[in-house]
C-alpha atoms as a PDB file:
ATOM      1  CA  MET A   1     -15.138  -5.023  -4.313  1.00  0.00           C
ATOM      2  CA  SER A   2     -18.785  -3.977  -4.289  1.00  0.00           C
ATOM      3  CA  ALA A   3     -19.716  -0.316  -4.146  1.00  0.00           C
ATOM      4  CA  THR A   4     -20.921   1.115  -0.876  1.00  0.00           C
ATOM      5  CA  SER A   5     -24.404   2.540  -0.521  1.00  0.00           C
ATOM      6  CA  TYR A   6     -23.022   5.918   0.524  1.00  0.00           C
ATOM      7  CA  GLY A   7     -19.974   8.117   0.057  1.00  0.00           C
ATOM      8  CA  ALA A   8     -18.100   8.812  -3.178  1.00  0.00           C
ATOM      9  CA  HIS A   9     -18.916   5.297  -4.473  1.00  0.00           C
ATOM     10  CA  SER A  10     -22.635   6.142  -4.490  1.00  0.00           C
ATOM     11  CA  ARG A  11     -22.250   8.951  -7.057  1.00  0.00           C
ATOM     12  CA  ARG A  12     -24.923   8.702  -9.791  1.00  0.00           C
ATOM     13  CA  PRO A  13     -25.629  10.816 -12.910  1.00  0.00           C
ATOM     14  CA  VAL A  14     -28.681  13.103 -12.647  1.00  0.00           C
ATOM     15  CA  HIS A  15     -31.462  12.913 -15.239  1.00  0.00           C
ATOM     16  CA  SER A  16     -34.243  15.340 -16.064  1.00  0.00           C
ATOM     17  CA  GLY A  17     -36.951  13.089 -17.402  1.00  0.00           C
ATOM     18  CA  THR A  18     -35.052  10.773 -19.753  1.00  0.00           C
ATOM     19  CA  ARG A  19     -32.282  13.305 -20.502  1.00  0.00           C
ATOM     20  CA  ARG A  20     -29.033  13.143 -18.565  1.00  0.00           C
ATOM     21  CA  ILE A  21     -27.719  16.440 -17.193  1.00  0.00           C
ATOM     22  CA  PRO A  22     -24.014  16.546 -18.192  1.00  0.00           C
ATOM     23  CA  GLY A  23     -21.670  17.309 -15.306  1.00  0.00           C
ATOM     24  CA  LEU A  24     -24.274  16.845 -12.557  1.00  0.00           C
ATOM     25  CA  TYR A  25     -24.233  13.962 -10.071  1.00  0.00           C
ATOM     26  CA  GLU A  26     -26.034  13.011  -6.898  1.00  0.00           C
ATOM     27  CA  ARG A  27     -24.739  10.861  -4.066  1.00  0.00           C
ATOM     28  CA  THR A  28     -25.846   9.695  -0.653  1.00  0.00           C
ATOM     29  CA  LEU A  29     -24.086  10.538   2.601  1.00  0.00           C
ATOM     30  CA  SER A  30     -23.788   8.076   5.475  1.00  0.00           C
ATOM     31  CA  ASN A  31     -26.689   9.834   7.234  1.00  0.00           C
ATOM     32  CA  GLY A  32     -28.972   9.176   4.240  1.00  0.00           C
ATOM     33  CA  GLN A  33     -28.908  12.770   2.949  1.00  0.00           C
ATOM     34  CA  THR A  34     -28.686  13.278  -0.828  1.00  0.00           C
ATOM     35  CA  VAL A  35     -26.213  15.890  -2.054  1.00  0.00           C
ATOM     36  CA  TYR A  36     -25.342  17.113  -5.550  1.00  0.00           C
ATOM     37  CA  ASP A  37     -21.897  17.402  -7.162  1.00  0.00           C
ATOM     38  CA  ALA A  38     -20.819  19.248 -10.279  1.00  0.00           C
ATOM     39  CA  ALA A  39     -17.899  18.080 -12.430  1.00  0.00           C
ATOM     40  CA  LEU A  40     -16.624  20.682 -14.878  1.00  0.00           C
ATOM     41  CA  ARG A  41     -13.451  21.123 -16.912  1.00  0.00           C
ATOM     42  CA  LEU A  42     -11.363  24.271 -16.640  1.00  0.00           C
ATOM     43  CA  GLY A  43      -7.864  24.658 -18.079  1.00  0.00           C
ATOM     44  CA  GLY A  44      -7.746  21.007 -19.098  1.00  0.00           C
ATOM     45  CA  LYS A  45      -8.514  19.736 -15.592  1.00  0.00           C
ATOM     46  CA  VAL A  46     -11.773  18.386 -14.201  1.00  0.00           C
ATOM     47  CA  ARG A  47     -12.928  20.022 -10.971  1.00  0.00           C
ATOM     48  CA  ARG A  48     -15.616  18.631  -8.675  1.00  0.00           C
ATOM     49  CA  HIS A  49     -17.706  20.833  -6.387  1.00  0.00           C
ATOM     50  CA  ARG A  50     -20.429  19.921  -3.961  1.00  0.00           C
ATOM     51  CA  LEU A  51     -23.388  22.178  -4.604  1.00  0.00           C
ATOM     52  CA  GLU A  52     -25.503  23.861  -1.948  1.00  0.00           C
ATOM     53  CA  ALA A  53     -28.716  22.739  -3.654  1.00  0.00           C
ATOM     54  CA  ARG A  54     -30.952  20.284  -1.831  1.00  0.00           C
ATOM     55  CA  THR A  55     -33.327  19.510  -4.714  1.00  0.00           C
ATOM     56  CA  LYS A  56     -32.688  18.439  -8.290  1.00  0.00           C
ATOM     57  CA  THR A  57     -34.269  21.591  -9.698  1.00  0.00           C
ATOM     58  CA  ASP A  58     -32.072  23.847  -7.550  1.00  0.00           C
ATOM     59  CA  ALA A  59     -29.022  21.731  -8.429  1.00  0.00           C
ATOM     60  CA  ILE A  60     -29.625  22.218 -12.163  1.00  0.00           C
ATOM     61  CA  THR A  61     -29.985  25.985 -11.636  1.00  0.00           C
ATOM     62  CA  GLU A  62     -26.789  26.133  -9.560  1.00  0.00           C
ATOM     63  CA  LEU A  63     -24.960  24.051 -12.169  1.00  0.00           C
ATOM     64  CA  ARG A  64     -25.929  26.517 -14.907  1.00  0.00           C
ATOM     65  CA  ALA A  65     -24.550  29.415 -12.860  1.00  0.00           C
ATOM     66  CA  LEU A  66     -21.372  27.477 -12.218  1.00  0.00           C
ATOM     67  CA  GLN A  67     -20.989  26.719 -15.933  1.00  0.00           C
ATOM     68  CA  THR A  68     -21.316  30.444 -16.663  1.00  0.00           C
ATOM     69  CA  ASP A  69     -18.497  31.211 -14.210  1.00  0.00           C
ATOM     70  CA  TYR A  70     -16.312  28.571 -15.845  1.00  0.00           C
ATOM     71  CA  ALA A  71     -17.080  29.944 -19.308  1.00  0.00           C
ATOM     72  CA  ARG A  72     -15.725  33.292 -18.069  1.00  0.00           C
ATOM     73  CA  GLY A  73     -12.580  31.580 -16.823  1.00  0.00           C
ATOM     74  CA  GLN A  74     -13.538  31.994 -13.177  1.00  0.00           C
ATOM     75  CA  THR A  75     -12.986  29.245 -10.625  1.00  0.00           C
ATOM     76  CA  TYR A  76     -15.680  28.501  -8.120  1.00  0.00           C
ATOM     77  CA  ARG A  77     -15.379  27.182  -4.599  1.00  0.00           C
ATOM     78  CA  SER A  78     -18.515  26.056  -2.861  1.00  0.00           C
ATOM     79  CA  PRO A  79     -18.595  26.771   0.875  1.00  0.00           C
ATOM     80  CA  VAL A  80     -19.735  23.179   1.281  1.00  0.00           C
ATOM     81  CA  ALA A  81     -17.071  20.454   1.108  1.00  0.00           C
ATOM     82  CA  ALA A  82     -16.922  18.554  -2.178  1.00  0.00           C
ATOM     83  CA  VAL A  83     -15.129  15.456  -0.903  1.00  0.00           C
ATOM     84  CA  THR A  84     -13.783  14.970   2.598  1.00  0.00           C
ATOM     85  CA  VAL A  85     -10.476  13.284   3.420  1.00  0.00           C
ATOM     86  CA  ASP A  86     -12.453  10.350   4.848  1.00  0.00           C
ATOM     87  CA  GLU A  87     -14.369   9.905   1.574  1.00  0.00           C
ATOM     88  CA  LEU A  88     -11.253  10.278  -0.547  1.00  0.00           C
ATOM     89  CA  ALA A  89      -9.411   7.748   1.645  1.00  0.00           C
ATOM     90  CA  ARG A  90     -12.182   5.172   1.123  1.00  0.00           C
ATOM     91  CA  ASP A  91     -11.925   5.610  -2.648  1.00  0.00           C
ATOM     92  CA  TYR A  92      -8.119   5.460  -2.509  1.00  0.00           C
ATOM     93  CA  LEU A  93      -8.100   2.220  -0.519  1.00  0.00           C
ATOM     94  CA  ALA A  94     -10.671   0.687  -2.866  1.00  0.00           C
ATOM     95  CA  HIS A  95      -8.404   1.663  -5.773  1.00  0.00           C
ATOM     96  CA  LEU A  96      -5.379   0.050  -4.079  1.00  0.00           C
ATOM     97  CA  GLU A  97      -7.335  -3.106  -3.247  1.00  0.00           C
ATOM     98  CA  SER A  98      -8.301  -3.427  -6.894  1.00  0.00           C
ATOM     99  CA  ARG A  99      -4.567  -3.619  -7.692  1.00  0.00           C
ATOM    100  CA  VAL A 100      -3.898  -6.592  -5.371  1.00  0.00           C
ATOM    101  CA  GLY A 101      -2.914  -9.503  -7.605  1.00  0.00           C
ATOM    102  CA  HIS A 102      -2.956  -7.301 -10.725  1.00  0.00           C
ATOM    103  CA  ARG A 103      -1.400  -8.983 -13.767  1.00  0.00           C
ATOM    104  CA  ASP A 104       0.762  -5.934 -14.528  1.00  0.00           C
ATOM    105  CA  VAL A 105       3.628  -5.980 -12.024  1.00  0.00           C
ATOM    106  CA  ARG A 106       3.978  -2.182 -12.329  1.00  0.00           C
ATOM    107  CA  GLN A 107       0.427  -1.692 -11.083  1.00  0.00           C
ATOM    108  CA  ARG A 108       0.336  -4.588  -8.625  1.00  0.00           C
ATOM    109  CA  ARG A 109       0.012  -3.915  -4.883  1.00  0.00           C
ATOM    110  CA  SER A 110       0.433  -6.486  -2.136  1.00  0.00           C
ATOM    111  CA  ALA A 111      -2.303  -7.079   0.421  1.00  0.00           C
ATOM    112  CA  ARG A 112       0.231  -6.274   3.155  1.00  0.00           C
ATOM    113  CA  THR A 113       0.976  -2.878   1.596  1.00  0.00           C
ATOM    114  CA  VAL A 114      -2.728  -2.032   1.376  1.00  0.00           C
ATOM    115  CA  ALA A 115      -3.160  -3.064   5.030  1.00  0.00           C
ATOM    116  CA  LEU A 116      -0.289  -0.744   6.018  1.00  0.00           C
ATOM    117  CA  TYR A 117      -1.847   2.150   4.076  1.00  0.00           C
ATOM    118  CA  ARG A 118      -5.201   1.515   5.743  1.00  0.00           C
ATOM    119  CA  GLN A 119      -3.599   1.476   9.195  1.00  0.00           C
ATOM    120  CA  ARG A 120      -1.678   4.734   8.634  1.00  0.00           C
ATOM    121  CA  LEU A 121      -4.687   6.451   7.057  1.00  0.00           C
ATOM    122  CA  ASP A 122      -7.047   5.466   9.889  1.00  0.00           C
ATOM    123  CA  LEU A 123      -4.642   6.020  12.774  1.00  0.00           C
ATOM    124  CA  HIS A 124      -2.949   9.237  11.695  1.00  0.00           C
ATOM    125  CA  ILE A 125      -4.250  10.963   8.557  1.00  0.00           C
ATOM    126  CA  CYS A 126      -8.032  10.550   8.845  1.00  0.00           C
ATOM    127  CA  LYS A 127      -7.848  11.026  12.606  1.00  0.00           C
ATOM    128  CA  GLU A 128      -6.289  14.437  11.999  1.00  0.00           C
ATOM    129  CA  PHE A 129      -8.104  15.571   8.824  1.00  0.00           C
ATOM    130  CA  GLY A 130     -11.009  13.146   8.291  1.00  0.00           C
ATOM    131  CA  GLN A 131     -13.877  15.652   8.130  1.00  0.00           C
ATOM    132  CA  ARG A 132     -11.878  18.335   6.334  1.00  0.00           C
ATOM    133  CA  PRO A 133     -12.475  18.946   2.626  1.00  0.00           C
ATOM    134  CA  ALA A 134      -9.584  17.236   0.864  1.00  0.00           C
ATOM    135  CA  ASP A 135      -9.076  20.274  -1.359  1.00  0.00           C
ATOM    136  CA  SER A 136      -8.668  22.564   1.670  1.00  0.00           C
ATOM    137  CA  LEU A 137      -5.454  21.006   3.021  1.00  0.00           C
ATOM    138  CA  THR A 138      -2.453  23.336   2.982  1.00  0.00           C
ATOM    139  CA  VAL A 139       1.284  23.111   3.539  1.00  0.00           C
ATOM    140  CA  ALA A 140       0.678  24.372   7.076  1.00  0.00           C
ATOM    141  CA  ASP A 141      -1.655  21.415   7.703  1.00  0.00           C
ATOM    142  CA  VAL A 142       1.005  18.973   6.499  1.00  0.00           C
ATOM    143  CA  ARG A 143       3.619  20.612   8.737  1.00  0.00           C
ATOM    144  CA  ARG A 144       1.243  20.341  11.681  1.00  0.00           C
ATOM    145  CA  LEU A 145       0.702  16.637  10.956  1.00  0.00           C
ATOM    146  CA  ILE A 146       4.478  16.093  10.970  1.00  0.00           C
ATOM    147  CA  ASP A 147       4.697  17.881  14.336  1.00  0.00           C
ATOM    148  CA  VAL A 148       1.834  15.788  15.762  1.00  0.00           C
ATOM    149  CA  LEU A 149       3.476  12.551  14.628  1.00  0.00           C
ATOM    150  CA  GLY A 150       6.801  13.697  16.056  1.00  0.00           C
ATOM    151  CA  ARG A 151       5.234  14.296  19.478  1.00  0.00           C
ATOM    152  CA  LYS A 152       3.971  10.711  19.449  1.00  0.00           C
ATOM    153  CA  ILE A 153       7.626   9.588  19.491  1.00  0.00           C
ATOM    154  CA  LEU A 154       7.164   7.586  16.303  1.00  0.00           C
ATOM    155  CA  SER A 155      10.220   6.443  14.383  1.00  0.00           C
ATOM    156  CA  PRO A 156      11.408   8.786  11.610  1.00  0.00           C
ATOM    157  CA  SER A 157      10.652   6.087   9.027  1.00  0.00           C
ATOM    158  CA  THR A 158       7.029   5.859  10.253  1.00  0.00           C
ATOM    159  CA  VAL A 159       6.610   9.641  10.009  1.00  0.00           C
ATOM    160  CA  THR A 160       8.124   9.669   6.521  1.00  0.00           C
ATOM    161  CA  SER A 161       5.939   6.748   5.422  1.00  0.00           C
ATOM    162  CA  THR A 162       2.787   8.460   6.726  1.00  0.00           C
ATOM    163  CA  VAL A 163       3.580  11.710   4.901  1.00  0.00           C
ATOM    164  CA  ASN A 164       4.261   9.736   1.705  1.00  0.00           C
ATOM    165  CA  ILE A 165       0.886   7.984   2.065  1.00  0.00           C
ATOM    166  CA  LEU A 166      -0.809  11.382   2.484  1.00  0.00           C
ATOM    167  CA  SER A 167       0.959  12.542  -0.678  1.00  0.00           C
ATOM    168  CA  GLY A 168      -0.278   9.452  -2.541  1.00  0.00           C
ATOM    169  CA  LEU A 169      -3.820  10.100  -1.306  1.00  0.00           C
ATOM    170  CA  LEU A 170      -3.782  13.713  -2.501  1.00  0.00           C
ATOM    171  CA  ARG A 171      -2.147  12.742  -5.799  1.00  0.00           C
ATOM    172  CA  PHE A 172      -5.015  10.292  -6.294  1.00  0.00           C
ATOM    173  CA  GLY A 173      -7.388  13.191  -5.521  1.00  0.00           C
ATOM    174  CA  THR A 174      -5.812  15.457  -8.138  1.00  0.00           C
ATOM    175  CA  LYS A 175      -6.216  12.760 -10.788  1.00  0.00           C
ATOM    176  CA  ALA A 176      -9.858  12.344  -9.747  1.00  0.00           C
ATOM    177  CA  GLY A 177     -10.412  16.104 -10.030  1.00  0.00           C
ATOM    178  CA  VAL A 178     -11.387  16.624  -6.372  1.00  0.00           C
ATOM    179  CA  VAL A 179      -8.086  18.179  -5.241  1.00  0.00           C
ATOM    180  CA  GLU A 180      -6.523  21.091  -7.068  1.00  0.00           C
ATOM    181  CA  ARG A 181      -2.970  20.770  -5.722  1.00  0.00           C
ATOM    182  CA  ASN A 182      -0.975  18.350  -3.575  1.00  0.00           C
ATOM    183  CA  PRO A 183       0.455  20.480  -0.710  1.00  0.00           C
ATOM    184  CA  VAL A 184       2.940  17.766   0.313  1.00  0.00           C
ATOM    185  CA  ARG A 185       4.894  18.611  -2.827  1.00  0.00           C
ATOM    186  CA  ASP A 186       5.220  22.209  -1.606  1.00  0.00           C
ATOM    187  CA  LEU A 187       7.107  21.240   1.560  1.00  0.00           C
ATOM    188  CA  ASP A 188      10.579  22.699   1.913  1.00  0.00           C
ATOM    189  CA  ARG A 189      13.425  20.249   2.347  1.00  0.00           C
ATOM    190  CA  ASP A 190      13.793  21.320   5.980  1.00  0.00           C
ATOM    191  CA  ASP A 191      10.092  20.601   6.602  1.00  0.00           C
ATOM    192  CA  ARG A 192      10.281  16.996   5.460  1.00  0.00           C
ATOM    193  CA  PRO A 193      10.836  14.399   8.186  1.00  0.00           C
ATOM    194  CA  GLY A 194      14.231  12.716   8.197  1.00  0.00           C
ATOM    195  CA  SER A 195      14.645   8.976   7.954  1.00  0.00           C
ATOM    196  CA  ALA A 196      17.873   8.629   9.952  1.00  0.00           C
ATOM    197  CA  ARG A 197      17.848   6.883  13.318  1.00  0.00           C
ATOM    198  CA  VAL A 198      17.713   9.167  16.334  1.00  0.00           C
ATOM    199  CA  SER A 199      19.298   6.526  18.580  1.00  0.00           C
ATOM    200  CA  GLU A 200      21.570   3.506  18.172  1.00  0.00           C
ATOM    201  CA  PRO A 201      19.752   0.142  17.976  1.00  0.00           C
ATOM    202  CA  ARG A 202      20.245  -2.289  20.864  1.00  0.00           C
ATOM    203  CA  TYR A 203      21.107  -5.869  19.901  1.00  0.00           C
ATOM    204  CA  LEU A 204      20.352  -8.933  22.004  1.00  0.00           C
ATOM    205  CA  ASP A 205      23.206 -11.182  23.066  1.00  0.00           C
ATOM    206  CA  ILE A 206      23.028 -14.990  22.741  1.00  0.00           C
ATOM    207  CA  ALA A 207      21.684 -15.463  26.270  1.00  0.00           C
ATOM    208  CA  GLU A 208      18.913 -12.907  25.662  1.00  0.00           C
ATOM    209  CA  VAL A 209      17.992 -14.535  22.339  1.00  0.00           C
ATOM    210  CA  ASP A 210      17.739 -17.930  24.062  1.00  0.00           C
ATOM    211  CA  LEU A 211      15.567 -16.399  26.777  1.00  0.00           C
ATOM    212  CA  LEU A 212      13.306 -14.721  24.176  1.00  0.00           C
ATOM    213  CA  LEU A 213      12.880 -17.909  22.128  1.00  0.00           C
ATOM    214  CA  GLY A 214      12.087 -19.834  25.302  1.00  0.00           C
ATOM    215  CA  LYS A 215       9.202 -17.455  26.028  1.00  0.00           C
ATOM    216  CA  LEU A 216       7.695 -17.812  22.537  1.00  0.00           C
ATOM    217  CA  SER A 217       5.039 -20.377  21.680  1.00  0.00           C
ATOM    218  CA  ASP A 218       5.661 -23.250  19.292  1.00  0.00           C
ATOM    219  CA  THR A 219       3.883 -21.231  16.597  1.00  0.00           C
ATOM    220  CA  PHE A 220       6.110 -18.155  16.811  1.00  0.00           C
ATOM    221  CA  ARG A 221       9.433 -19.693  17.945  1.00  0.00           C
ATOM    222  CA  PRO A 222      10.508 -20.718  14.386  1.00  0.00           C
ATOM    223  CA  LEU A 223       9.688 -17.221  13.138  1.00  0.00           C
ATOM    224  CA  GLY A 224      11.687 -15.599  15.939  1.00  0.00           C
ATOM    225  CA  ALA A 225      14.620 -17.938  15.327  1.00  0.00           C
ATOM    226  CA  ALA A 226      14.600 -17.190  11.592  1.00  0.00           C
ATOM    227  CA  CYS A 227      14.717 -13.449  12.276  1.00  0.00           C
ATOM    228  CA  ALA A 228      17.414 -13.778  14.949  1.00  0.00           C
ATOM    229  CA  PHE A 229      19.812 -16.208  13.252  1.00  0.00           C
ATOM    230  CA  ALA A 230      19.223 -15.425   9.567  1.00  0.00           C
ATOM    231  CA  GLY A 231      19.001 -11.646   9.998  1.00  0.00           C
ATOM    232  CA  LEU A 232      15.628 -11.495   8.259  1.00  0.00           C
ATOM    233  CA  ARG A 233      13.217  -8.618   8.478  1.00  0.00           C
ATOM    234  CA  ILE A 234       9.836  -9.583   9.867  1.00  0.00           C
ATOM    235  CA  SER A 235       8.148  -8.840   6.511  1.00  0.00           C
ATOM    236  CA  VAL A 236      10.536 -11.262   4.754  1.00  0.00           C
ATOM    237  CA  ALA A 237      10.171 -13.937   7.434  1.00  0.00           C
ATOM    238  CA  LEU A 238       6.376 -13.746   7.201  1.00  0.00           C
ATOM    239  CA  GLY A 239       6.641 -14.384   3.462  1.00  0.00           C
ATOM    240  CA  LEU A 240       8.492 -17.693   3.884  1.00  0.00           C
ATOM    241  CA  ARG A 241       6.635 -20.849   2.855  1.00  0.00           C
ATOM    242  CA  TRP A 242       7.307 -24.540   3.533  1.00  0.00           C
ATOM    243  CA  ARG A 243       8.196 -26.269   0.255  1.00  0.00           C
ATOM    244  CA  ALA A 244       9.672 -29.636  -0.691  1.00  0.00           C
ATOM    245  CA  SER A 245      13.356 -29.388  -1.537  1.00  0.00           C
ATOM    246  CA  THR A 246      14.173 -29.679  -5.247  1.00  0.00           C
ATOM    247  CA  SER A 247      17.945 -29.371  -4.993  1.00  0.00           C
ATOM    248  CA  ARG A 248      20.150 -31.577  -7.195  1.00  0.00           C
ATOM    249  CA  LEU A 249      21.527 -33.296  -4.069  1.00  0.00           C
ATOM    250  CA  ASP A 250      18.014 -34.263  -2.903  1.00  0.00           C
ATOM    251  CA  ARG A 251      17.023 -35.559  -6.338  1.00  0.00           C
ATOM    252  CA  SER A 252      20.088 -37.769  -6.581  1.00  0.00           C
ATOM    253  CA  SER A 253      19.698 -39.294  -3.109  1.00  0.00           C
END
């Protein structure tokens, strides 16, 4: 996947003449503005901060002051967002897409899983927090998201899945050094959404199944029949492929 011309993917090292300035980067926002980031290590962890500087000279000066604070063991938080949830989500999805078809089964992700993550991120997480600094999210924000999703009358499994995706996003951010702590991990057990059904499922009888299949097109009728009569989940049915039979009975006939 090619890098975008803006956002976190556009981050570039800063040079003074021919000498690279360690820990200083510049990147381009979607509006064309250039901003400067500092990446410094404190307590064994890399922290990224967006600087207030608007020129390279001011950025170098601000970096030196920041390095002095770190040398004294002081943390620094710029009033300007380092990386927004929207930016972090783009990097996270690019990371997941790079794992599609990966040779290592432990790292491999399916295209369908990445599509689900993208849908939940766009529809719920980025819609709620998109312009917020990723490092500013708190447990209270996560609780509020759970309440918002609950008011949308989503299934408990969808709410749980969305919160888990948010946790994966923030865990990715902590590894990248742009998020200090994952607040989803600080949720109390009572705060976490349940996964149990809130109502009993309703099953179609034979007459209703026949009526449903009669309304489907020739393209979708076999899929509906496979789900209805074989008890398949839609994700499993969509993964079925037509293949020539290789059974012993077929080979002997």
